[in-house]
Protein backbone atom coordinates (compact mmCIF):
# COMPACT_ATOMS: atom_id res chain seq x y z
CA MET A 1 153.25 193.45 89.99
CA LYS A 2 151.94 194.73 86.69
CA SER A 3 153.85 192.64 84.16
CA PRO A 4 155.72 189.78 85.84
CA LEU A 5 158.26 187.74 83.90
CA ILE A 6 157.89 184.01 84.51
CA PHE A 7 160.64 181.60 83.49
CA LEU A 8 159.54 178.07 82.63
CA SER A 9 161.68 175.09 81.70
CA ALA A 10 160.27 171.83 80.35
CA GLY A 11 162.16 169.53 78.03
CA GLU A 12 159.88 166.56 77.45
CA ALA A 13 156.44 166.05 75.92
CA SER A 14 154.56 165.68 79.21
CA GLY A 15 156.33 168.72 80.65
CA ASP A 16 155.48 170.74 77.55
CA HIS A 17 151.82 169.81 78.05
CA TYR A 18 151.84 170.78 81.73
CA GLY A 19 153.71 174.00 80.96
CA ALA A 20 151.16 175.01 78.36
CA GLU A 21 148.31 174.37 80.82
CA LEU A 22 150.08 176.48 83.45
CA ILE A 23 150.60 179.39 81.05
CA THR A 24 146.91 179.32 80.12
CA ALA A 25 145.90 179.23 83.80
CA LEU A 26 148.21 182.12 84.69
CA ARG A 27 147.18 184.30 81.75
CA ALA A 28 143.59 184.04 82.94
CA VAL A 29 144.50 185.86 86.18
CA LEU A 30 147.64 187.72 85.05
CA PRO A 31 146.91 188.83 81.48
CA GLU A 32 150.03 191.04 81.44
CA ALA A 33 152.39 188.25 82.48
CA ARG A 34 155.24 187.36 80.15
CA PHE A 35 156.72 183.88 79.78
CA THR A 36 160.20 182.89 78.73
CA GLY A 37 162.61 179.95 78.94
CA LEU A 38 162.81 176.42 77.56
CA GLY A 39 159.69 174.78 76.19
CA GLY A 40 158.02 172.83 73.43
CA THR A 41 155.55 173.76 70.75
CA ALA A 42 152.55 173.58 73.10
CA MET A 43 154.13 176.11 75.48
CA GLU A 44 154.97 178.39 72.58
CA ALA A 45 151.39 178.18 71.31
CA ALA A 46 150.15 179.06 74.81
CA GLY A 47 152.29 182.20 74.90
CA GLN A 48 155.88 181.36 75.89
CA ASP A 49 158.59 183.37 74.16
CA ARG A 50 160.96 180.43 73.86
CA VAL A 51 164.64 181.13 74.33
CA ILE A 52 165.45 177.49 73.55
CA ARG A 53 163.26 174.89 71.83
CA ALA A 54 162.75 171.70 73.83
CA GLU A 55 162.97 169.59 70.68
CA ASP A 56 166.58 170.72 70.25
CA VAL A 57 167.79 169.48 73.64
CA ALA A 58 165.50 166.59 74.63
CA VAL A 59 167.63 163.68 73.38
CA MET A 60 167.69 160.19 74.83
CA GLY A 61 170.45 157.62 75.07
CA ILE A 62 174.20 157.90 75.44
CA THR A 63 175.01 158.00 71.73
CA GLU A 64 172.39 160.66 71.02
CA ILE A 65 173.63 162.80 73.93
CA LEU A 66 177.26 162.53 72.77
CA ARG A 67 176.32 163.55 69.26
CA HIS A 68 174.32 166.53 70.47
CA ILE A 69 176.70 167.76 73.20
CA PRO A 70 177.75 170.94 71.32
CA THR A 71 174.11 171.91 70.72
CA ILE A 72 173.10 171.11 74.30
CA LEU A 73 175.98 173.15 75.75
CA ARG A 74 175.21 176.15 73.51
CA SER A 75 171.54 175.96 74.44
CA TYR A 76 172.31 175.76 78.15
CA LYS A 77 174.66 178.74 77.93
CA THR A 78 172.02 180.74 76.06
CA LEU A 79 169.43 179.93 78.73
CA VAL A 80 171.75 181.01 81.55
CA GLU A 81 172.57 184.25 79.73
CA SER A 82 168.88 184.97 79.25
CA ILE A 83 168.22 184.42 82.97
CA LYS A 84 170.98 186.87 83.91
CA ARG A 85 169.81 189.40 81.35
CA GLN A 86 166.06 189.22 81.95
CA ARG A 87 166.07 188.43 85.70
CA PRO A 88 162.67 186.69 85.91
CA ASP A 89 160.40 187.20 88.91
CA VAL A 90 159.77 183.49 89.46
CA ALA A 91 160.83 180.22 87.82
CA VAL A 92 158.87 177.02 87.29
CA LEU A 93 160.96 173.95 86.49
CA ILE A 94 159.05 170.90 85.25
CA ASP A 95 160.78 167.52 85.62
CA PHE A 96 163.81 167.30 83.19
CA PRO A 97 166.31 167.15 86.10
CA ASP A 98 169.59 166.94 84.19
CA VAL A 99 169.04 170.46 82.82
CA ASN A 100 166.75 171.96 85.43
CA PHE A 101 168.96 171.28 88.45
CA ARG A 102 171.72 173.30 86.80
CA LEU A 103 169.37 176.11 85.85
CA ALA A 104 168.12 176.17 89.45
CA LYS A 105 171.65 176.95 90.62
CA HIS A 106 171.79 180.15 88.56
CA LEU A 107 168.23 181.14 89.43
CA LYS A 108 168.93 180.72 93.14
CA ARG A 109 172.08 182.83 92.90
CA MET A 110 170.02 185.71 91.45
CA GLY A 111 167.34 185.44 94.11
CA VAL A 112 164.69 184.04 91.79
CA PRO A 113 162.28 181.75 93.68
CA VAL A 114 162.25 178.28 92.13
CA ILE A 115 159.11 176.12 92.06
CA TRP A 116 159.58 172.54 90.89
CA PHE A 117 156.71 170.50 89.46
CA VAL A 118 156.96 166.69 88.98
CA SER A 119 159.71 165.54 91.29
CA PRO A 120 162.73 163.70 89.94
CA GLN A 121 162.85 160.21 91.44
CA LEU A 122 165.52 161.04 94.01
CA TRP A 123 163.75 158.75 96.46
CA ALA A 124 164.84 155.78 94.31
CA TRP A 125 168.36 156.73 93.32
CA LYS A 126 170.77 159.64 92.83
CA ARG A 127 169.91 160.55 96.44
CA LYS A 128 172.95 162.84 96.55
CA ARG A 129 171.03 165.29 94.37
CA LEU A 130 168.69 165.87 97.28
CA ARG A 131 171.04 168.57 98.54
CA TRP A 132 170.43 170.47 95.29
CA VAL A 133 166.71 170.50 96.04
CA GLN A 134 167.38 171.62 99.60
CA GLN A 135 169.67 174.42 98.42
CA ARG A 136 167.95 175.62 95.26
CA VAL A 137 164.21 174.86 95.31
CA ALA A 138 161.78 177.07 97.22
CA LYS A 139 158.86 174.68 96.82
CA MET A 140 158.49 171.15 95.44
CA LEU A 141 155.08 170.15 94.08
CA THR A 142 154.78 166.37 93.92
CA ILE A 143 152.39 164.16 91.96
CA PHE A 144 152.86 160.97 94.00
CA PRO A 145 151.65 160.92 97.61
CA PHE A 146 154.74 159.34 99.20
CA GLU A 147 156.99 162.08 97.79
CA GLN A 148 155.62 164.82 100.05
CA PRO A 149 156.72 163.21 103.34
CA PHE A 150 160.02 162.18 101.74
CA TYR A 151 160.87 165.84 101.08
CA ALA A 152 159.23 167.28 104.19
CA ASN A 153 161.23 164.94 106.40
CA ARG A 154 164.38 166.29 104.78
CA GLY A 155 163.69 169.98 105.20
CA VAL A 156 162.13 170.75 101.80
CA GLN A 157 158.85 172.64 101.54
CA ALA A 158 156.71 170.20 99.56
CA GLU A 159 153.07 169.79 98.64
CA PHE A 160 151.30 166.80 97.11
CA VAL A 161 149.00 168.23 94.42
CA GLY A 162 147.67 165.05 92.83
CA HIS A 163 148.57 163.34 89.57
CA PRO A 164 147.22 164.98 86.41
CA LEU A 165 146.43 161.55 84.91
CA ALA A 166 144.07 160.80 87.81
CA GLU A 167 142.09 163.95 86.99
CA GLN A 168 141.35 162.98 83.41
CA PRO A 169 137.85 161.70 82.59
CA LEU A 170 137.56 158.31 80.96
CA PRO A 171 137.58 158.25 77.15
CA THR A 172 134.13 158.76 75.67
CA VAL A 173 134.48 156.45 72.65
CA SER A 174 132.15 153.46 72.92
CA ARG A 175 133.38 149.89 72.55
CA GLU A 176 131.32 149.53 69.39
CA ALA A 177 132.77 152.68 67.83
CA TYR A 178 136.29 151.62 68.80
CA ALA A 179 135.73 148.18 67.28
CA THR A 180 134.53 149.76 64.04
CA ARG A 181 137.47 152.17 63.87
CA TYR A 182 140.08 149.41 64.15
CA ALA A 183 138.20 146.46 62.60
CA LEU A 184 138.00 144.64 65.93
CA ASN A 185 135.66 141.78 66.81
CA PRO A 186 133.33 143.21 69.50
CA HIS A 187 132.32 139.71 70.58
CA LYS A 188 135.83 138.77 71.68
CA GLN A 189 137.68 139.92 74.77
CA TRP A 190 140.54 142.33 74.05
CA VAL A 191 143.97 142.41 75.65
CA ALA A 192 146.06 145.61 75.51
CA LEU A 193 149.81 145.19 74.98
CA LEU A 194 151.86 148.30 75.78
CA PRO A 195 155.56 147.74 74.97
CA GLY A 196 156.62 151.37 75.54
CA SER A 197 157.06 154.31 73.21
CA ARG A 198 160.83 154.46 72.67
CA GLY A 199 162.67 152.35 70.15
CA GLY A 200 164.75 150.48 72.69
CA GLU A 201 161.71 149.70 74.82
CA ILE A 202 159.78 148.37 71.83
CA ASP A 203 162.70 146.18 70.74
CA ALA A 204 163.12 144.78 74.25
CA ASN A 205 159.46 144.23 75.11
CA LEU A 206 157.38 143.57 72.01
CA PRO A 207 158.71 140.07 71.19
CA GLY A 208 157.82 138.79 74.65
CA LEU A 209 154.35 140.31 74.47
CA VAL A 210 153.70 138.78 71.04
CA HIS A 211 154.89 135.39 72.33
CA ALA A 212 152.51 135.61 75.30
CA ALA A 213 149.63 136.46 72.96
CA MET A 214 150.41 133.50 70.72
CA LEU A 215 150.32 131.23 73.78
CA LEU A 216 146.95 132.63 74.87
CA GLY A 217 145.61 132.05 71.38
CA ASP A 218 143.10 133.68 69.07
CA ALA A 219 140.23 133.55 71.56
CA TYR A 220 141.32 137.15 72.24
CA GLU A 221 142.20 140.13 70.11
CA TYR A 222 145.32 142.11 71.01
CA LEU A 223 145.53 145.89 70.90
CA ILE A 224 148.97 147.47 70.54
CA PRO A 225 148.88 151.25 71.03
CA VAL A 226 151.49 153.15 69.01
CA ALA A 227 152.63 156.55 70.28
CA PRO A 228 152.66 159.47 67.80
CA THR A 229 156.42 159.77 68.32
CA VAL A 230 157.08 156.29 66.89
CA SER A 231 158.61 156.57 63.41
CA HIS A 232 157.07 154.97 60.32
CA ASP A 233 160.03 152.60 60.02
CA ARG A 234 159.56 151.49 63.61
CA ARG A 235 155.84 150.96 63.01
CA ASP A 236 156.64 148.74 60.03
CA GLN A 237 159.03 146.73 62.21
CA MET A 238 156.32 146.33 64.85
CA ARG A 239 153.84 145.09 62.28
CA SER A 240 156.34 142.57 60.94
CA ARG A 241 156.69 141.13 64.47
CA ALA A 242 152.93 140.91 65.03
CA ARG A 243 151.60 139.64 61.72
CA SER A 244 148.67 137.60 62.98
CA GLY A 245 145.19 138.92 62.32
CA SER A 246 144.63 138.91 66.09
CA PHE A 247 146.96 141.92 66.50
CA HIS A 248 145.62 145.42 65.92
CA PHE A 249 147.69 148.60 66.05
CA VAL A 250 145.73 151.48 67.57
CA GLU A 251 146.37 155.11 68.46
CA ASP A 252 144.55 155.82 71.72
CA ALA A 253 146.23 153.93 74.57
CA ARG A 254 143.72 155.10 77.18
CA ALA A 255 140.74 153.88 75.16
CA ALA A 256 142.53 150.60 74.45
CA LEU A 257 143.08 150.09 78.17
CA MET A 258 139.52 151.05 79.06
CA HIS A 259 137.95 148.58 76.62
CA SER A 260 140.39 145.71 77.25
CA ARG A 261 139.72 142.89 79.65
CA ALA A 262 143.33 143.03 80.88
CA ALA A 263 146.68 144.42 79.80
CA VAL A 264 150.43 143.92 79.83
CA VAL A 265 152.28 147.19 80.39
CA ALA A 266 155.97 148.04 80.22
CA SER A 267 157.06 149.81 83.39
CA GLY A 268 156.68 153.59 83.13
CA THR A 269 153.97 156.23 82.97
CA ALA A 270 151.64 153.81 81.18
CA THR A 271 151.32 151.82 84.40
CA VAL A 272 149.79 154.89 86.04
CA GLN A 273 147.43 155.24 83.07
CA ALA A 274 146.31 151.64 83.47
CA ALA A 275 145.87 152.05 87.22
CA VAL A 276 143.67 155.16 87.03
CA ILE A 277 141.56 153.60 84.28
CA GLY A 278 141.19 150.48 86.41
CA THR A 279 142.20 147.80 83.92
CA PRO A 280 143.82 144.74 85.56
CA PHE A 281 147.35 144.40 84.24
CA VAL A 282 150.77 142.79 84.48
CA VAL A 283 153.97 144.86 84.51
CA VAL A 284 157.00 143.83 82.46
CA TYR A 285 160.48 145.31 82.28
CA ARG A 286 163.61 144.38 80.37
CA VAL A 287 166.88 146.22 79.77
CA SER A 288 170.45 145.06 79.18
CA ASN A 289 171.80 142.76 81.87
CA LEU A 290 174.43 145.32 82.82
CA THR A 291 171.86 148.10 83.20
CA PHE A 292 169.62 145.82 85.26
CA ARG A 293 172.43 144.81 87.60
CA MET A 294 173.46 148.43 88.06
CA ALA A 295 169.90 149.53 88.77
CA LYS A 296 169.40 146.68 91.22
CA ALA A 297 172.51 147.79 93.09
CA LEU A 298 171.67 151.50 93.06
CA VAL A 299 167.94 151.63 93.76
CA LYS A 300 167.23 151.92 97.49
CA TYR A 301 163.89 153.13 98.83
CA PRO A 302 163.64 155.37 101.91
CA PRO A 303 161.46 154.58 104.97
CA GLU A 304 158.57 156.52 103.37
CA ILE A 305 158.30 153.75 100.77
CA PRO A 306 158.01 150.41 102.57
CA ALA A 307 159.02 147.75 100.05
CA GLU A 308 160.44 144.27 100.24
CA VAL A 309 162.32 142.23 97.68
CA ASP A 310 160.59 139.31 95.96
CA GLU A 311 161.85 135.74 95.69
CA HIS A 312 164.26 136.89 92.96
CA GLY A 313 165.75 139.64 95.11
CA ASN A 314 164.00 142.43 93.21
CA LEU A 315 162.39 145.47 94.78
CA PRO A 316 159.04 146.52 93.25
CA ILE A 317 159.44 149.05 90.44
CA ALA A 318 155.86 149.59 89.27
CA MET A 319 154.57 152.91 90.54
CA VAL A 320 151.20 151.37 91.32
CA ASN A 321 152.86 148.96 93.77
CA LEU A 322 154.84 151.76 95.42
CA ILE A 323 151.68 153.86 95.85
CA ALA A 324 149.69 150.91 97.20
CA ARG A 325 152.60 150.07 99.56
CA ARG A 326 152.21 146.42 98.54
CA ARG A 327 152.35 144.33 95.40
CA VAL A 328 148.93 144.61 93.76
CA VAL A 329 150.05 143.96 90.17
CA PRO A 330 152.46 141.20 89.12
CA GLU A 331 155.92 142.32 88.02
CA LEU A 332 157.92 140.22 85.57
CA LEU A 333 161.40 141.69 85.45
CA GLN A 334 164.31 140.79 83.22
CA ASP A 335 164.74 136.97 83.13
CA GLN A 336 161.25 136.45 84.57
CA PHE A 337 159.79 138.36 81.60
CA THR A 338 159.02 135.46 79.25
CA GLY A 339 156.02 134.82 77.06
CA ALA A 340 155.05 131.82 79.15
CA ASN A 341 155.23 133.76 82.42
CA VAL A 342 153.23 136.66 80.98
CA ALA A 343 150.51 134.33 79.71
CA ALA A 344 150.35 132.56 83.08
CA ALA A 345 150.07 135.88 84.95
CA LEU A 346 147.35 137.12 82.58
CA LYS A 347 145.05 134.10 82.78
CA PRO A 348 143.59 134.79 86.26
CA LEU A 349 143.04 138.44 85.26
CA LEU A 350 141.12 137.47 82.13
CA ALA A 351 138.73 135.13 83.96
CA ASP A 352 136.20 135.93 86.68
CA THR A 353 138.51 135.13 89.58
CA PRO A 354 139.19 136.47 93.07
CA GLN A 355 142.58 137.70 91.82
CA ARG A 356 140.89 139.85 89.20
CA GLU A 357 138.41 141.36 91.66
CA GLU A 358 141.12 142.00 94.25
CA GLN A 359 143.27 143.83 91.73
CA ILE A 360 140.35 145.95 90.48
CA GLU A 361 139.61 147.02 94.08
CA ALA A 362 143.29 147.78 94.72
CA LEU A 363 143.59 149.87 91.55
CA ALA A 364 140.55 151.91 92.58
CA GLU A 365 142.28 152.66 95.89
CA VAL A 366 145.47 153.68 94.05
CA ARG A 367 143.48 156.10 91.92
CA ARG A 368 141.95 157.64 95.04
CA ARG A 369 145.42 158.11 96.52
CA LEU A 370 146.55 159.87 93.33
CA LEU A 371 143.80 162.48 93.51
CA SER A 372 144.53 165.88 95.00
CA PRO A 373 143.64 166.18 98.69
CA THR A 374 142.13 169.61 97.88
CA ASN A 375 139.42 170.67 95.46
CA ARG A 376 142.04 172.03 93.08
CA THR A 377 143.65 170.35 90.11
CA ALA A 378 147.41 169.89 90.00
CA ILE A 379 147.78 172.78 87.54
CA GLU A 380 145.60 175.03 89.71
CA SER A 381 147.84 174.26 92.69
CA LEU A 382 150.88 175.05 90.57
CA ARG A 383 149.28 178.32 89.46
CA ASP A 384 148.57 179.28 93.05
CA ALA A 385 152.16 178.51 94.06
CA VAL A 386 153.39 180.87 91.33
CA LEU A 387 150.99 183.60 92.44
CA GLU A 388 152.13 183.17 96.05
CA ALA A 389 155.77 183.47 95.00
CA LEU A 390 155.01 186.62 93.00
CA SER A 391 153.22 188.22 95.92
């Protein structure tokens, strides 16, 4: 095939990054290939002729979605029309399930093979959507090891390709250079506090983390990574909540985790970052009581994920605990997420204790499980799946 047309759809920052890496990898072996679809600025810079900009449709929260419904519907219609008009040779859908499942329906109808990268968490909830994967997706490439048997046992061709975060080398910045950059005391132990990157997460989590730090005292310095997407107004609010000289706002979360003695991490992708870096940590999670009750009622794990409820009736939610198939990091959820409980859970991880050593060993095993079982990276496996579909 001299000049294949490859449709890609990614609507979030991580997907945009993966999509750009895939385009670069494919252009190295298919210099005549053309790329179209939905993507961010990184995918455009790599060579995608964007039909729709990801920044125009990637909105979060009910109120934001309602306000943007006309734009989202127009964008979706434009994407479908472009698929029918251009008839791509293969499609790669990256996460972003609310849009990509619907695009997969139209792609399947036109005989376009669909490859999905980064599985939606159907194994936790919205299990009814599994039939859409079975009907519309030619191959599912998963980044968590338990996802491959989950799909394979349900008739979906799936391959575990490793987690891209597990492939990254450790940050190269030294502790001394990091201390100089952020005016940190190199003679003190540091504790990383990761409240999340979205406004609602920060509002829900930061006060409890600051309270825990105040209870632990100024024997430590506390690093609070701030994502580039956090607005200046939100940053000012964060600084007003953490006014003590012991708190330092930093930019590089991975370096903060690497140089910290321990961490507190809001449930999400950052827990995988902490696990692969190997920093002992505590997981926290807080949402509205209604949302928590609904999630508790809806989330059910399949046999491929052996998990038991704790004394509060909660299933584990931290990805590191699901991968390890046991609770290796403490989880403080909802009412259990208090400053006092966080401080108490951190203390054995800050000292030279058996708990600290056991968690470090368990995190190293989790990182090994997240690595690809082949000698290829996740993006190389995705590239090869595209080439196989084209052939």
